[in-house]
Amino acid sequence: RLDTSAEAPNLYSLGIIKTEGDGSVPLISAGFMCARGWKTAHFNPGGAKVLTREYQHLPSTFMQDLRGGSMSADHVDILGNDELLRNVLAIAAGEEVEERVLSNIKEMSARVVLPPHIV
C-alpha cells in the first residue's frame, strides 16, 4: 500500500520517489542494460554491437494527440517516435546510427556494483 502521507522536498511526494526518468520508469531501470549491462560478456556472450541512443521527449499537446505525438519519448509512446522509426529502418538497411546520450545514465550505471563474475 502506498503511503501518500510521505513527503520530503525534492526526494518524494505523496509517497512517490522523484528521480530522473519518464514519469513512471526510473532512468536507471530504463537505461542500465543498454548503457552497461548488454556491454558485458555475461549478458552479451556473442558480443553483439550495442549502442545507447536516447531521444528527446517533445510531446504534443493532449488536444493534438492523446499518445504524445511523433516526438514523444515516453516508454509507452517510444515506438511511435518518428526519429526512432527512421533509425530502426536505417539499421535494417545496413546504415550506421551513432550513440547519443542525453542523460547521465552512463554515470549512474557506473555506480551500480555488479558481482565480480558479471563485470
Foldseek 3Di string as FASTA:
>chain_A
DAQLVDDDPPADHRRGGDADAQVPDHCLRVPLCLLPVCCWCVNPVVRPDGAAAAADADFDDCVVPVLRDQRHRHPVNNVSNPVVVVVVVCVVVVHDDDHDDPDCNNVVNVPDDDPPVGD
